[in-house]
Amino acid sequence: MNSFSTMSVSDRQLKLIKEAAELLVMEHRLTTDDAVLVISSALKKELSARQTTFEKLESGSKIDRTSFIRSVVKHVQISLENNPYWRSHNLDKSIENFYQVLHKQWD
C-alpha cells in the first residue's frame, strides 16, 4: 500500500479502495497490486485536478462526491481500456459495478 504514503487515507477510505480493487481483480485480469495502483492513481489524479482532499469531499455535498466518484471511475475505465490484457468483453458492466461499489461505500 505504498501508493498511499503521500496521501492521508482513513480506514473507511482504505476499505472503500480495497473493496473496489477486489471487484476489479474478480472481473479483470488484474492482480490486487495492479488494481490498487490503478485506483490510487485515479484518485490522486482527480484529487489533484480538483485541488481537494478526501476530508473536504467527505464533508462536502453528495453531488460533489458523486461527481468525484464518476470521474475516478472514468479514469479507471480508461486505464482498463488502454491495457489489452485487462480489457474484458464485459467492461461496461464491470465499470458500472465498480461505480456502484464506490458510490455505496461513500454514501
N, C-alpha and C. Protein backbone atom coordinates (compact mmCIF):
# COMPACT_ATOMS: atom_id res chain seq x y z
N MET A 1 0.82 -1.19 0.00
CA MET A 1 0.00 0.00 0.00
C MET A 1 0.86 1.26 0.00
N ASN A 2 2.04 1.19 -0.50
CA ASN A 2 2.93 2.34 -0.53
C ASN A 2 2.37 3.48 -1.36
N SER A 3 1.45 3.21 -2.24
CA SER A 3 0.85 4.22 -3.10
C SER A 3 0.19 5.33 -2.29
N PHE A 4 -0.18 5.01 -1.06
CA PHE A 4 -0.93 5.96 -0.26
C PHE A 4 -0.07 6.72 0.72
N SER A 5 1.23 6.49 0.72
CA SER A 5 2.07 7.09 1.74
C SER A 5 2.08 8.61 1.69
N THR A 6 1.85 9.20 0.53
CA THR A 6 1.87 10.65 0.43
C THR A 6 0.49 11.27 0.62
N MET A 7 -0.51 10.45 0.83
CA MET A 7 -1.85 11.00 0.98
C MET A 7 -2.49 10.38 2.21
N SER A 8 -3.19 11.20 2.95
CA SER A 8 -3.85 10.73 4.16
C SER A 8 -5.09 9.93 3.78
N VAL A 9 -5.12 8.69 4.25
CA VAL A 9 -6.25 7.82 3.92
C VAL A 9 -6.83 7.27 5.21
N SER A 10 -8.11 7.49 5.40
CA SER A 10 -8.77 6.98 6.59
C SER A 10 -9.04 5.49 6.42
N ASP A 11 -9.38 4.83 7.52
CA ASP A 11 -9.73 3.41 7.44
C ASP A 11 -10.91 3.19 6.51
N ARG A 12 -11.86 4.10 6.56
CA ARG A 12 -13.04 3.99 5.71
C ARG A 12 -12.65 4.09 4.23
N GLN A 13 -11.77 5.04 3.91
CA GLN A 13 -11.34 5.22 2.54
C GLN A 13 -10.54 4.00 2.06
N LEU A 14 -9.70 3.47 2.94
CA LEU A 14 -8.92 2.30 2.59
C LEU A 14 -9.83 1.11 2.33
N LYS A 15 -10.87 0.97 3.14
CA LYS A 15 -11.84 -0.12 2.95
C LYS A 15 -12.53 0.04 1.59
N LEU A 16 -12.91 1.25 1.28
CA LEU A 16 -13.56 1.55 0.00
C LEU A 16 -12.64 1.14 -1.16
N ILE A 17 -11.39 1.52 -1.09
CA ILE A 17 -10.44 1.22 -2.16
C ILE A 17 -10.21 -0.28 -2.27
N LYS A 18 -10.07 -0.96 -1.12
CA LYS A 18 -9.85 -2.41 -1.15
C LYS A 18 -11.03 -3.14 -1.75
N GLU A 19 -12.26 -2.75 -1.39
CA GLU A 19 -13.45 -3.41 -1.94
C GLU A 19 -13.55 -3.18 -3.44
N ALA A 20 -13.26 -1.96 -3.86
CA ALA A 20 -13.30 -1.66 -5.29
C ALA A 20 -12.21 -2.44 -6.02
N ALA A 21 -11.05 -2.56 -5.42
CA ALA A 21 -9.94 -3.31 -6.03
C ALA A 21 -10.31 -4.79 -6.17
N GLU A 22 -10.96 -5.34 -5.16
CA GLU A 22 -11.38 -6.75 -5.23
C GLU A 22 -12.31 -6.98 -6.42
N LEU A 23 -13.19 -6.03 -6.67
CA LEU A 23 -14.10 -6.15 -7.80
C LEU A 23 -13.32 -6.18 -9.11
N LEU A 24 -12.33 -5.31 -9.26
CA LEU A 24 -11.52 -5.30 -10.48
C LEU A 24 -10.75 -6.60 -10.65
N VAL A 25 -10.24 -7.13 -9.55
CA VAL A 25 -9.50 -8.39 -9.61
C VAL A 25 -10.42 -9.52 -10.07
N MET A 26 -11.65 -9.53 -9.56
CA MET A 26 -12.60 -10.58 -9.94
C MET A 26 -13.03 -10.46 -11.40
N GLU A 27 -13.24 -9.24 -11.87
CA GLU A 27 -13.82 -9.03 -13.19
C GLU A 27 -12.79 -8.94 -14.31
N HIS A 28 -11.55 -8.65 -13.97
CA HIS A 28 -10.49 -8.46 -14.97
C HIS A 28 -9.27 -9.24 -14.53
N ARG A 29 -8.26 -9.22 -15.34
CA ARG A 29 -7.05 -9.98 -15.02
C ARG A 29 -6.01 -9.11 -14.32
N LEU A 30 -6.46 -8.35 -13.35
CA LEU A 30 -5.55 -7.53 -12.57
C LEU A 30 -5.14 -8.28 -11.30
N THR A 31 -3.92 -8.07 -10.89
CA THR A 31 -3.52 -8.53 -9.56
C THR A 31 -4.08 -7.52 -8.57
N THR A 32 -4.08 -7.87 -7.30
CA THR A 32 -4.53 -6.93 -6.28
C THR A 32 -3.68 -5.67 -6.31
N ASP A 33 -2.35 -5.84 -6.45
CA ASP A 33 -1.46 -4.68 -6.50
C ASP A 33 -1.77 -3.80 -7.71
N ASP A 34 -2.03 -4.42 -8.88
CA ASP A 34 -2.39 -3.65 -10.07
C ASP A 34 -3.67 -2.86 -9.84
N ALA A 35 -4.66 -3.51 -9.26
CA ALA A 35 -5.96 -2.86 -9.03
C ALA A 35 -5.81 -1.68 -8.08
N VAL A 36 -5.06 -1.86 -6.99
CA VAL A 36 -4.86 -0.78 -6.04
C VAL A 36 -4.10 0.36 -6.71
N LEU A 37 -3.10 0.03 -7.53
CA LEU A 37 -2.33 1.05 -8.22
C LEU A 37 -3.21 1.85 -9.20
N VAL A 38 -4.05 1.15 -9.96
CA VAL A 38 -4.95 1.82 -10.91
C VAL A 38 -5.92 2.74 -10.17
N ILE A 39 -6.50 2.24 -9.09
CA ILE A 39 -7.47 3.03 -8.33
C ILE A 39 -6.78 4.20 -7.64
N SER A 40 -5.65 3.95 -6.99
CA SER A 40 -4.98 5.05 -6.28
C SER A 40 -4.49 6.11 -7.26
N SER A 41 -4.03 5.71 -8.44
CA SER A 41 -3.62 6.69 -9.45
C SER A 41 -4.80 7.53 -9.89
N ALA A 42 -5.94 6.89 -10.09
CA ALA A 42 -7.15 7.63 -10.49
C ALA A 42 -7.58 8.59 -9.39
N LEU A 43 -7.52 8.14 -8.15
CA LEU A 43 -7.88 9.01 -7.02
C LEU A 43 -6.94 10.21 -6.93
N LYS A 44 -5.64 9.96 -7.00
CA LYS A 44 -4.67 11.05 -6.92
C LYS A 44 -4.86 12.04 -8.06
N LYS A 45 -5.08 11.52 -9.26
CA LYS A 45 -5.26 12.38 -10.43
C LYS A 45 -6.47 13.29 -10.24
N GLU A 46 -7.57 12.71 -9.75
CA GLU A 46 -8.80 13.50 -9.60
C GLU A 46 -8.71 14.46 -8.41
N LEU A 47 -8.09 14.04 -7.32
CA LEU A 47 -7.91 14.96 -6.18
C LEU A 47 -7.05 16.14 -6.60
N SER A 48 -6.02 15.88 -7.36
CA SER A 48 -5.14 16.94 -7.84
C SER A 48 -5.87 17.87 -8.80
N ALA A 49 -6.63 17.30 -9.72
CA ALA A 49 -7.37 18.11 -10.69
C ALA A 49 -8.38 19.03 -10.00
N ARG A 50 -8.98 18.53 -8.94
CA ARG A 50 -9.98 19.32 -8.21
C ARG A 50 -9.36 20.15 -7.08
N GLN A 51 -8.07 19.97 -6.87
CA GLN A 51 -7.36 20.65 -5.78
C GLN A 51 -8.13 20.51 -4.47
N THR A 52 -8.38 19.24 -4.11
CA THR A 52 -9.14 18.95 -2.90
C THR A 52 -8.53 17.76 -2.17
N THR A 53 -9.17 17.37 -1.08
CA THR A 53 -8.74 16.23 -0.29
C THR A 53 -9.96 15.34 -0.02
N PHE A 54 -9.69 14.12 0.46
CA PHE A 54 -10.79 13.24 0.85
C PHE A 54 -11.63 13.89 1.94
N GLU A 55 -10.96 14.53 2.88
CA GLU A 55 -11.67 15.14 4.01
C GLU A 55 -12.66 16.20 3.53
N LYS A 56 -12.22 17.03 2.59
CA LYS A 56 -13.11 18.06 2.05
C LYS A 56 -14.28 17.43 1.30
N LEU A 57 -14.00 16.38 0.55
CA LEU A 57 -15.07 15.70 -0.18
C LEU A 57 -16.08 15.07 0.78
N GLU A 58 -15.57 14.43 1.85
CA GLU A 58 -16.47 13.79 2.79
C GLU A 58 -17.36 14.78 3.53
N SER A 59 -16.85 15.98 3.74
CA SER A 59 -17.66 16.98 4.43
C SER A 59 -18.46 17.83 3.44
N GLY A 60 -18.22 17.64 2.16
CA GLY A 60 -18.93 18.40 1.14
C GLY A 60 -20.26 17.77 0.77
N SER A 61 -20.79 18.22 -0.33
CA SER A 61 -22.12 17.76 -0.74
C SER A 61 -22.06 16.39 -1.42
N LYS A 62 -23.19 15.72 -1.39
CA LYS A 62 -23.31 14.42 -2.05
C LYS A 62 -23.08 14.58 -3.56
N ILE A 63 -23.50 15.68 -4.11
CA ILE A 63 -23.32 15.95 -5.55
C ILE A 63 -21.84 16.00 -5.88
N ASP A 64 -21.04 16.66 -5.04
CA ASP A 64 -19.60 16.73 -5.27
C ASP A 64 -18.95 15.35 -5.18
N ARG A 65 -19.37 14.55 -4.19
CA ARG A 65 -18.82 13.20 -4.04
C ARG A 65 -19.18 12.33 -5.23
N THR A 66 -20.43 12.43 -5.67
CA THR A 66 -20.87 11.63 -6.82
C THR A 66 -20.09 12.02 -8.07
N SER A 67 -19.92 13.30 -8.28
CA SER A 67 -19.14 13.78 -9.43
C SER A 67 -17.70 13.28 -9.35
N PHE A 68 -17.12 13.34 -8.15
CA PHE A 68 -15.76 12.86 -7.95
C PHE A 68 -15.66 11.37 -8.27
N ILE A 69 -16.59 10.59 -7.73
CA ILE A 69 -16.57 9.14 -7.96
C ILE A 69 -16.71 8.83 -9.44
N ARG A 70 -17.61 9.51 -10.13
CA ARG A 70 -17.78 9.28 -11.58
C ARG A 70 -16.47 9.57 -12.33
N SER A 71 -15.78 10.63 -11.95
CA SER A 71 -14.51 10.96 -12.60
C SER A 71 -13.44 9.91 -12.32
N VAL A 72 -13.37 9.45 -11.08
CA VAL A 72 -12.41 8.40 -10.72
C VAL A 72 -12.71 7.13 -11.51
N VAL A 73 -13.98 6.77 -11.58
CA VAL A 73 -14.37 5.57 -12.32
C VAL A 73 -13.99 5.71 -13.79
N LYS A 74 -14.16 6.90 -14.35
CA LYS A 74 -13.78 7.14 -15.75
C LYS A 74 -12.28 6.95 -15.95
N HIS A 75 -11.47 7.45 -15.01
CA HIS A 75 -10.02 7.26 -15.09
C HIS A 75 -9.67 5.76 -15.04
N VAL A 76 -10.34 5.02 -14.17
CA VAL A 76 -10.10 3.57 -14.06
C VAL A 76 -10.51 2.88 -15.36
N GLN A 77 -11.65 3.27 -15.90
CA GLN A 77 -12.12 2.67 -17.15
C GLN A 77 -11.11 2.91 -18.28
N ILE A 78 -10.59 4.11 -18.37
CA ILE A 78 -9.60 4.42 -19.41
C ILE A 78 -8.35 3.56 -19.22
N SER A 79 -7.91 3.40 -17.98
CA SER A 79 -6.74 2.54 -17.72
C SER A 79 -6.99 1.11 -18.16
N LEU A 80 -8.18 0.60 -17.87
CA LEU A 80 -8.52 -0.77 -18.27
C LEU A 80 -8.61 -0.90 -19.79
N GLU A 81 -9.22 0.09 -20.42
CA GLU A 81 -9.35 0.06 -21.88
C GLU A 81 -8.00 0.15 -22.58
N ASN A 82 -7.06 0.86 -21.98
CA ASN A 82 -5.75 1.06 -22.60
C ASN A 82 -4.82 -0.13 -22.43
N ASN A 83 -5.19 -1.09 -21.60
CA ASN A 83 -4.36 -2.27 -21.41
C ASN A 83 -5.10 -3.49 -21.96
N PRO A 84 -4.65 -4.01 -23.10
CA PRO A 84 -5.39 -5.13 -23.72
C PRO A 84 -5.47 -6.36 -22.83
N TYR A 85 -4.54 -6.54 -21.93
CA TYR A 85 -4.59 -7.70 -21.04
C TYR A 85 -5.70 -7.57 -20.01
N TRP A 86 -5.99 -6.34 -19.59
CA TRP A 86 -7.03 -6.12 -18.59
C TRP A 86 -8.41 -5.95 -19.19
N ARG A 87 -8.47 -5.57 -20.45
CA ARG A 87 -9.76 -5.32 -21.08
C ARG A 87 -10.58 -6.61 -21.11
N SER A 88 -11.86 -6.51 -20.92
CA SER A 88 -12.70 -7.70 -20.99
C SER A 88 -13.94 -7.40 -21.83
N HIS A 89 -14.62 -8.45 -22.21
CA HIS A 89 -15.81 -8.28 -23.05
C HIS A 89 -16.95 -7.61 -22.29
N ASN A 90 -16.91 -7.66 -20.98
CA ASN A 90 -17.99 -7.05 -20.20
C ASN A 90 -17.50 -5.83 -19.42
N LEU A 91 -16.64 -5.03 -20.06
CA LEU A 91 -16.05 -3.87 -19.39
C LEU A 91 -17.12 -2.89 -18.92
N ASP A 92 -18.11 -2.60 -19.75
CA ASP A 92 -19.14 -1.63 -19.35
C ASP A 92 -19.88 -2.09 -18.09
N LYS A 93 -20.22 -3.37 -18.03
CA LYS A 93 -20.93 -3.91 -16.87
C LYS A 93 -20.05 -3.87 -15.63
N SER A 94 -18.78 -4.24 -15.78
CA SER A 94 -17.90 -4.24 -14.62
C SER A 94 -17.61 -2.83 -14.14
N ILE A 95 -17.53 -1.87 -15.05
CA ILE A 95 -17.32 -0.47 -14.66
C ILE A 95 -18.54 0.03 -13.90
N GLU A 96 -19.73 -0.35 -14.34
CA GLU A 96 -20.95 0.03 -13.62
C GLU A 96 -20.95 -0.58 -12.22
N ASN A 97 -20.54 -1.85 -12.10
CA ASN A 97 -20.45 -2.49 -10.78
C ASN A 97 -19.42 -1.79 -9.91
N PHE A 98 -18.30 -1.42 -10.51
CA PHE A 98 -17.24 -0.71 -9.80
C PHE A 98 -17.77 0.62 -9.26
N TYR A 99 -18.50 1.36 -10.10
CA TYR A 99 -19.10 2.62 -9.68
C TYR A 99 -20.05 2.39 -8.50
N GLN A 100 -20.87 1.36 -8.61
CA GLN A 100 -21.85 1.07 -7.53
C GLN A 100 -21.15 0.79 -6.21
N VAL A 101 -20.04 0.04 -6.25
CA VAL A 101 -19.29 -0.26 -5.02
C VAL A 101 -18.76 1.03 -4.41
N LEU A 102 -18.12 1.86 -5.23
CA LEU A 102 -17.58 3.12 -4.70
C LEU A 102 -18.68 4.02 -4.15
N HIS A 103 -19.74 4.14 -4.91
CA HIS A 103 -20.84 5.04 -4.53
C HIS A 103 -21.51 4.57 -3.24
N LYS A 104 -21.78 3.28 -3.15
CA LYS A 104 -22.46 2.73 -1.96
C LYS A 104 -21.60 2.91 -0.72
N GLN A 105 -20.31 2.68 -0.83
CA GLN A 105 -19.42 2.77 0.31
C GLN A 105 -19.26 4.20 0.80
N TRP A 106 -19.43 5.18 -0.10
CA TRP A 106 -19.16 6.56 0.28
C TRP A 106 -20.43 7.30 0.72
N ASP A 107 -21.58 6.71 0.56
CA ASP A 107 -22.82 7.38 0.97
C ASP A 107 -23.09 7.23 2.44
